[in-house]
Structures are given as structure tokens and as C-alpha cells.
N, C-alpha and C. Protein backbone atom coordinates (compact mmCIF):
# COMPACT_ATOMS: atom_id res chain seq x y z
N MET A 1 -14.88 35.51 -9.35
CA MET A 1 -15.22 36.84 -10.06
C MET A 1 -16.75 36.65 -9.50
N THR A 2 -16.94 37.98 -8.98
CA THR A 2 -18.61 38.18 -8.14
C THR A 2 -19.35 38.84 -9.23
N ILE A 3 -20.70 38.51 -9.06
CA ILE A 3 -21.85 39.11 -10.08
C ILE A 3 -21.65 40.65 -10.46
N ILE A 4 -21.32 41.48 -9.47
CA ILE A 4 -20.98 42.95 -10.00
C ILE A 4 -19.45 42.96 -10.92
N GLU A 5 -18.54 42.00 -10.58
CA GLU A 5 -17.34 42.10 -11.82
C GLU A 5 -18.02 41.49 -13.09
N ALA A 6 -18.58 40.57 -12.85
CA ALA A 6 -19.23 40.14 -14.43
C ALA A 6 -19.90 41.10 -15.16
N ILE A 7 -20.50 42.02 -14.18
CA ILE A 7 -21.43 43.07 -15.12
C ILE A 7 -20.60 44.09 -15.54
N GLN A 8 -19.31 44.57 -15.14
CA GLN A 8 -18.74 45.54 -15.01
C GLN A 8 -17.57 45.08 -16.06
N ALA A 9 -17.62 43.83 -16.28
CA ALA A 9 -17.07 43.36 -17.65
C ALA A 9 -17.17 43.61 -18.93
N ASN A 10 -18.61 43.75 -19.01
CA ASN A 10 -19.46 43.86 -20.17
C ASN A 10 -18.92 45.65 -20.49
N PRO A 11 -18.25 45.63 -21.68
CA PRO A 11 -17.35 47.32 -22.28
C PRO A 11 -18.97 48.17 -22.35
N VAL A 12 -20.06 47.73 -22.26
CA VAL A 12 -21.06 48.71 -22.78
C VAL A 12 -21.06 49.59 -21.01
N PHE A 13 -20.73 48.64 -20.36
CA PHE A 13 -21.07 49.31 -18.96
C PHE A 13 -19.70 49.93 -18.31
N SER A 14 -18.54 50.17 -19.32
CA SER A 14 -17.53 50.49 -18.64
C SER A 14 -17.30 51.91 -17.93
N ASP A 15 -18.51 52.93 -18.40
CA ASP A 15 -18.70 54.66 -18.13
C ASP A 15 -19.53 54.47 -17.17
N LEU A 16 -20.06 53.51 -16.70
CA LEU A 16 -21.24 53.35 -15.67
C LEU A 16 -20.46 53.32 -13.86
N SER A 17 -20.77 54.15 -13.04
CA SER A 17 -20.18 54.16 -11.58
C SER A 17 -20.79 52.99 -11.13
N VAL A 18 -19.92 52.54 -10.22
CA VAL A 18 -20.35 51.13 -9.30
C VAL A 18 -21.81 51.62 -8.60
N SER A 19 -22.05 52.91 -8.06
CA SER A 19 -23.30 52.92 -7.28
C SER A 19 -24.46 52.70 -8.31
N THR A 20 -24.27 53.01 -9.89
CA THR A 20 -25.30 52.61 -10.76
C THR A 20 -25.67 51.53 -10.83
N ILE A 21 -24.56 50.61 -10.94
CA ILE A 21 -24.87 49.03 -11.01
C ILE A 21 -25.14 48.52 -9.77
N GLN A 22 -24.97 48.95 -8.75
CA GLN A 22 -25.55 48.56 -7.56
C GLN A 22 -26.95 49.00 -7.49
N TYR A 23 -27.00 50.13 -7.77
CA TYR A 23 -28.76 50.26 -7.94
C TYR A 23 -29.25 49.28 -8.43
N ALA A 24 -29.21 49.11 -9.92
CA ALA A 24 -29.80 48.08 -10.50
C ALA A 24 -29.81 46.78 -10.21
N LEU A 25 -28.53 46.41 -9.42
CA LEU A 25 -28.54 45.08 -8.70
C LEU A 25 -29.65 45.08 -7.57
N ASP A 26 -29.66 46.12 -6.75
CA ASP A 26 -30.44 46.10 -5.57
C ASP A 26 -32.08 46.36 -6.25
N SER A 27 -32.63 46.98 -6.96
CA SER A 27 -33.75 46.73 -7.42
C SER A 27 -34.23 45.40 -8.08
N ARG A 28 -33.19 44.53 -8.22
CA ARG A 28 -33.74 43.34 -8.44
C ARG A 28 -33.39 42.22 -7.18
N SER A 29 -33.02 42.78 -6.35
CA SER A 29 -32.62 42.28 -5.06
C SER A 29 -31.29 41.04 -5.36
N VAL A 30 -30.49 41.38 -6.29
CA VAL A 30 -29.13 40.82 -6.44
C VAL A 30 -28.16 41.11 -5.29
N ASP A 31 -27.20 40.13 -5.03
CA ASP A 31 -26.22 40.34 -4.06
C ASP A 31 -24.86 40.72 -5.33
N GLY A 32 -24.39 41.43 -5.27
CA GLY A 32 -23.48 41.98 -6.31
C GLY A 32 -21.95 41.40 -5.67
N ALA A 33 -22.06 40.43 -4.61
CA ALA A 33 -20.76 40.10 -3.80
C ALA A 33 -20.87 39.00 -4.30
N ALA A 34 -22.03 38.28 -4.53
CA ALA A 34 -22.02 36.84 -4.58
C ALA A 34 -21.19 36.26 -5.53
N THR A 35 -20.66 34.81 -5.68
CA THR A 35 -19.72 34.35 -6.81
C THR A 35 -20.66 34.12 -7.96
N TYR A 36 -20.11 34.64 -9.07
CA TYR A 36 -20.69 34.66 -10.35
C TYR A 36 -20.57 33.50 -11.11
N ASP A 37 -21.73 32.46 -11.36
CA ASP A 37 -21.40 31.03 -11.83
C ASP A 37 -23.03 30.84 -12.60
N SER A 38 -23.02 29.96 -13.20
CA SER A 38 -24.00 29.33 -14.37
C SER A 38 -25.52 29.63 -13.87
N SER A 39 -25.69 29.54 -12.49
CA SER A 39 -26.76 29.85 -12.04
C SER A 39 -27.40 31.28 -11.57
N SER A 40 -26.16 32.19 -12.00
CA SER A 40 -26.38 33.51 -11.71
C SER A 40 -26.95 34.23 -12.66
N LEU A 41 -26.49 33.70 -14.30
CA LEU A 41 -26.59 34.13 -15.19
C LEU A 41 -27.98 34.86 -15.89
N LYS A 42 -28.82 34.59 -15.21
CA LYS A 42 -30.61 35.00 -15.35
C LYS A 42 -30.56 36.27 -14.76
N ASN A 43 -29.91 36.13 -13.52
CA ASN A 43 -29.74 37.68 -12.76
C ASN A 43 -29.39 38.91 -13.55
N VAL A 44 -27.75 38.10 -13.62
CA VAL A 44 -26.98 39.19 -14.38
C VAL A 44 -27.53 39.53 -15.67
N GLU A 45 -28.16 38.88 -16.51
CA GLU A 45 -28.67 39.45 -17.75
C GLU A 45 -29.85 40.26 -17.69
N LEU A 46 -30.56 39.88 -16.37
CA LEU A 46 -31.84 40.92 -16.41
C LEU A 46 -31.07 42.29 -15.66
N VAL A 47 -30.39 42.18 -14.92
CA VAL A 47 -30.12 43.49 -14.24
C VAL A 47 -29.23 44.18 -15.52
N SER A 48 -28.40 43.77 -16.47
CA SER A 48 -28.14 44.21 -17.51
C SER A 48 -28.87 44.96 -18.50
N ALA A 49 -30.21 44.33 -18.50
CA ALA A 49 -31.02 44.78 -19.44
C ALA A 49 -32.02 45.78 -18.81
N ASP A 50 -32.06 45.97 -17.67
CA ASP A 50 -32.27 47.00 -17.04
C ASP A 50 -31.39 48.32 -17.47
N MET A 51 -30.01 47.99 -17.33
CA MET A 51 -29.13 49.15 -17.31
C MET A 51 -29.20 49.45 -18.91
N TYR A 52 -29.51 48.72 -19.59
CA TYR A 52 -29.51 48.80 -21.18
C TYR A 52 -30.85 49.76 -21.31
N SER A 53 -31.65 49.57 -20.87
CA SER A 53 -32.94 50.34 -20.80
C SER A 53 -32.70 51.46 -20.40
N ASP A 54 -32.06 51.56 -18.91
CA ASP A 54 -31.78 52.98 -18.31
C ASP A 54 -30.97 53.70 -19.35
N MET A 55 -29.92 53.29 -20.05
CA MET A 55 -28.89 53.77 -20.48
C MET A 55 -29.56 54.76 -22.06
N ALA A 56 -30.56 53.93 -22.65
CA ALA A 56 -31.42 54.51 -23.73
C ALA A 56 -31.92 55.64 -23.51
N LEU A 57 -32.18 56.05 -22.18
CA LEU A 57 -32.74 57.37 -21.90
C LEU A 57 -31.76 58.58 -21.46
N LEU A 58 -30.42 58.15 -21.51
CA LEU A 58 -29.45 59.32 -21.04
C LEU A 58 -29.32 60.20 -22.46
N PRO A 59 -29.25 61.38 -22.23
CA PRO A 59 -29.16 62.50 -23.38
C PRO A 59 -27.55 62.73 -23.51
N GLU A 60 -27.19 62.84 -24.88
CA GLU A 60 -26.11 63.18 -25.51
C GLU A 60 -25.32 64.03 -24.69
N PHE A 61 -24.10 63.43 -24.30
CA PHE A 61 -23.14 64.51 -23.33
C PHE A 61 -22.04 65.02 -24.24
N LYS A 62 -21.87 66.55 -24.39
CA LYS A 62 -20.76 66.85 -24.80
C LYS A 62 -19.68 67.94 -24.08
N GLU A 63 -18.40 67.60 -23.67
CA GLU A 63 -17.62 68.83 -23.08
C GLU A 63 -16.19 68.76 -23.81
N GLY A 64 -16.04 69.95 -24.34
CA GLY A 64 -15.08 70.21 -25.21
C GLY A 64 -15.08 69.25 -26.13
N GLN A 65 -13.80 68.65 -26.41
CA GLN A 65 -13.93 67.62 -27.46
C GLN A 65 -14.30 66.09 -26.90
N LEU A 66 -15.04 65.98 -25.91
CA LEU A 66 -15.40 64.53 -25.61
C LEU A 66 -16.89 64.66 -25.69
N SER A 67 -17.24 63.39 -26.11
CA SER A 67 -18.82 63.53 -26.71
C SER A 67 -19.06 62.11 -26.53
N MET A 68 -20.25 61.96 -25.58
CA MET A 68 -20.97 60.61 -25.72
C MET A 68 -22.30 60.82 -26.07
N LYS A 69 -22.28 59.55 -26.58
CA LYS A 69 -23.76 59.44 -27.29
C LYS A 69 -23.95 57.52 -27.51
N TYR A 70 -25.31 57.30 -26.67
CA TYR A 70 -25.90 55.99 -26.84
C TYR A 70 -26.56 55.63 -28.10
N ASP A 71 -26.51 54.35 -28.52
CA ASP A 71 -27.34 54.13 -29.43
C ASP A 71 -28.81 53.71 -28.85
N SER A 72 -29.32 54.43 -28.71
CA SER A 72 -30.72 54.24 -27.77
C SER A 72 -31.91 53.25 -28.52
N GLU A 73 -31.88 52.90 -29.61
CA GLU A 73 -32.59 52.10 -30.28
C GLU A 73 -31.85 50.73 -30.06
N ALA A 74 -30.73 50.67 -30.17
CA ALA A 74 -29.66 49.49 -30.24
C ALA A 74 -30.00 48.81 -28.79
N LEU A 75 -29.80 49.89 -27.57
CA LEU A 75 -29.87 49.66 -26.39
C LEU A 75 -31.25 48.85 -25.93
N LYS A 76 -32.47 49.78 -26.56
CA LYS A 76 -33.85 49.00 -26.07
C LYS A 76 -34.05 47.83 -26.68
N LYS A 77 -33.45 47.63 -28.21
CA LYS A 77 -33.66 46.30 -28.79
C LYS A 77 -32.84 45.04 -27.77
N ARG A 78 -31.55 45.29 -27.39
CA ARG A 78 -31.09 44.18 -26.35
C ARG A 78 -31.58 44.19 -25.10
N ALA A 79 -32.23 45.04 -24.67
CA ALA A 79 -33.24 44.93 -23.16
C ALA A 79 -34.26 44.19 -23.55
N LEU A 80 -35.05 44.44 -24.54
CA LEU A 80 -36.28 43.71 -24.99
C LEU A 80 -35.78 42.20 -25.31
N SER A 81 -34.85 41.86 -25.95
CA SER A 81 -34.42 40.61 -26.33
C SER A 81 -33.94 39.81 -25.07
N ILE A 82 -33.55 40.24 -23.78
CA ILE A 82 -33.30 39.74 -22.43
C ILE A 82 -34.66 39.34 -21.85
N TYR A 83 -35.15 40.62 -21.57
CA TYR A 83 -36.55 40.63 -21.24
C TYR A 83 -37.40 39.74 -21.66
N LEU A 84 -37.55 39.36 -22.95
CA LEU A 84 -38.40 38.37 -23.77
C LEU A 84 -37.82 37.01 -23.44
N LYS A 85 -36.46 36.69 -23.11
CA LYS A 85 -35.80 35.25 -23.24
C LYS A 85 -36.53 34.71 -21.80
N TYR A 86 -36.64 35.77 -20.98
CA TYR A 86 -36.86 35.37 -19.43
C TYR A 86 -38.27 35.55 -18.96
N ASP A 87 -39.13 35.92 -20.23
CA ASP A 87 -40.63 36.24 -19.95
C ASP A 87 -40.72 37.20 -18.68
N ASP A 88 -39.73 38.37 -18.63
CA ASP A 88 -39.81 39.45 -17.64
C ASP A 88 -40.91 40.26 -17.82
N PRO A 89 -41.68 40.87 -17.32
CA PRO A 89 -42.78 41.87 -17.39
C PRO A 89 -42.28 43.30 -18.00
N LYS A 90 -41.25 43.26 -17.81
CA LYS A 90 -40.49 44.64 -18.20
C LYS A 90 -40.47 44.77 -19.84
N ALA A 91 -40.61 43.64 -20.59
CA ALA A 91 -40.66 43.52 -21.77
C ALA A 91 -41.97 44.54 -22.47
N GLU A 92 -42.87 44.54 -21.74
CA GLU A 92 -44.34 45.22 -22.11
C GLU A 92 -43.64 46.93 -22.33
N GLU A 93 -42.97 47.10 -21.50
CA GLU A 93 -42.64 48.53 -21.37
C GLU A 93 -42.01 48.89 -22.86
N LEU A 94 -41.39 48.06 -23.43
CA LEU A 94 -40.62 48.42 -24.56
C LEU A 94 -40.90 47.76 -25.81
N GLN A 95 -42.15 47.09 -25.83
CA GLN A 95 -42.79 46.50 -26.91
C GLN A 95 -43.65 47.67 -27.63
N PRO A 96 -44.09 47.89 -29.05
CA PRO A 96 -44.82 48.70 -29.53
C PRO A 96 -46.14 48.61 -29.10
N LYS A 97 -46.65 49.74 -28.50
CA LYS A 97 -48.11 49.73 -28.57
C LYS A 97 -49.22 49.77 -29.46
N PRO A 98 -50.18 49.15 -29.18
CA PRO A 98 -51.29 49.29 -30.51
C PRO A 98 -51.90 50.41 -30.58
N ILE A 99 -52.32 50.92 -31.82
CA ILE A 99 -52.84 51.94 -32.09
C ILE A 99 -54.18 51.88 -32.36
N ASN A 100 -55.13 52.59 -31.26
CA ASN A 100 -56.73 52.28 -31.74
C ASN A 100 -56.95 53.47 -32.16
N VAL A 101 -57.64 53.08 -33.70
CA VAL A 101 -58.13 54.31 -34.38
C VAL A 101 -59.60 54.45 -34.30
N GLY A 102 -60.23 53.77 -33.11
CA GLY A 102 -61.84 54.38 -32.88
C GLY A 102 -62.51 53.42 -33.80
N VAL A 103 -62.33 52.46 -34.43
CA VAL A 103 -63.19 51.46 -35.06
C VAL A 103 -63.37 50.15 -34.22
N THR A 104 -64.36 49.79 -33.63
CA THR A 104 -64.64 48.54 -32.76
C THR A 104 -65.09 47.44 -33.48
N ASP A 105 -65.91 47.85 -34.50
CA ASP A 105 -66.19 46.43 -35.55
C ASP A 105 -66.85 47.37 -36.70
N ALA A 106 -66.75 46.21 -37.71
CA ALA A 106 -67.27 46.51 -38.92
C ALA A 106 -68.48 47.26 -39.22
N SER A 107 -69.53 47.21 -37.95
CA SER A 107 -70.53 48.07 -38.01
C SER A 107 -70.28 49.48 -38.13
N ASP A 108 -69.31 49.83 -37.36
CA ASP A 108 -68.50 51.19 -37.54
C ASP A 108 -68.43 51.88 -38.79
N VAL A 109 -67.85 50.97 -39.65
CA VAL A 109 -67.59 51.29 -40.99
C VAL A 109 -68.72 52.15 -42.16
N ALA A 110 -68.71 52.92 -42.35
CA ALA A 110 -69.71 53.43 -43.38
C ALA A 110 -69.55 52.70 -44.82
């Protein structure tokens, strides 16, 4: 089995084109034609996390009775868990941002 076949085996990605998967592989410089083994697990999971993150941005699609909608929050959570597992910098993009309310220290409070 190749790396791209391992990714395609994930049912979440069944609707994605080969070119979409190849783009994600290329963005991480991963050879999709390489043989999938335990040493490639990290790359497969990080590429998958990138695709989960991208899929979370897809709009709902309806045509006739066909309807496709992805659970954006679940996809983001899955991507974040993989990014955190490998200490990937993309985790920062998905984590909640702290809110600065303008108070810098106790002297600012009346």
C-alpha cells in the first residue's frame, strides 16, 4: 500500500479527489507513491490533519436531494489533536486565542 492509498482508505476522505490529496501531500513534501509503513505514520497523520482543517472550511453543498455538510468543529478538533500530538506549528492556528480586555496590571483597575 502506498501513502496516498493509506490516506484514501480513511472514509472521511472518500469524497476528496486525488488531486486534493496530492496537494496536501506536496505541501508537506511527502511522496504519496512511497510505501506506507510505520515510519510514515507521522506524515500520513499530519497530511490528514491538514485535510481535516481544510475540510472544516468547506461550505454546505446541496444539489437536488444530494446534500453534503461536514461537522466543522469535529474536523477542527481532530486536526488539532494530531497537530498537538506531533507538536506541529499549525496547532496554533486552531487553538483559541486569548482575549485582551485592555487591563495590563492591577493599577489600571479603579
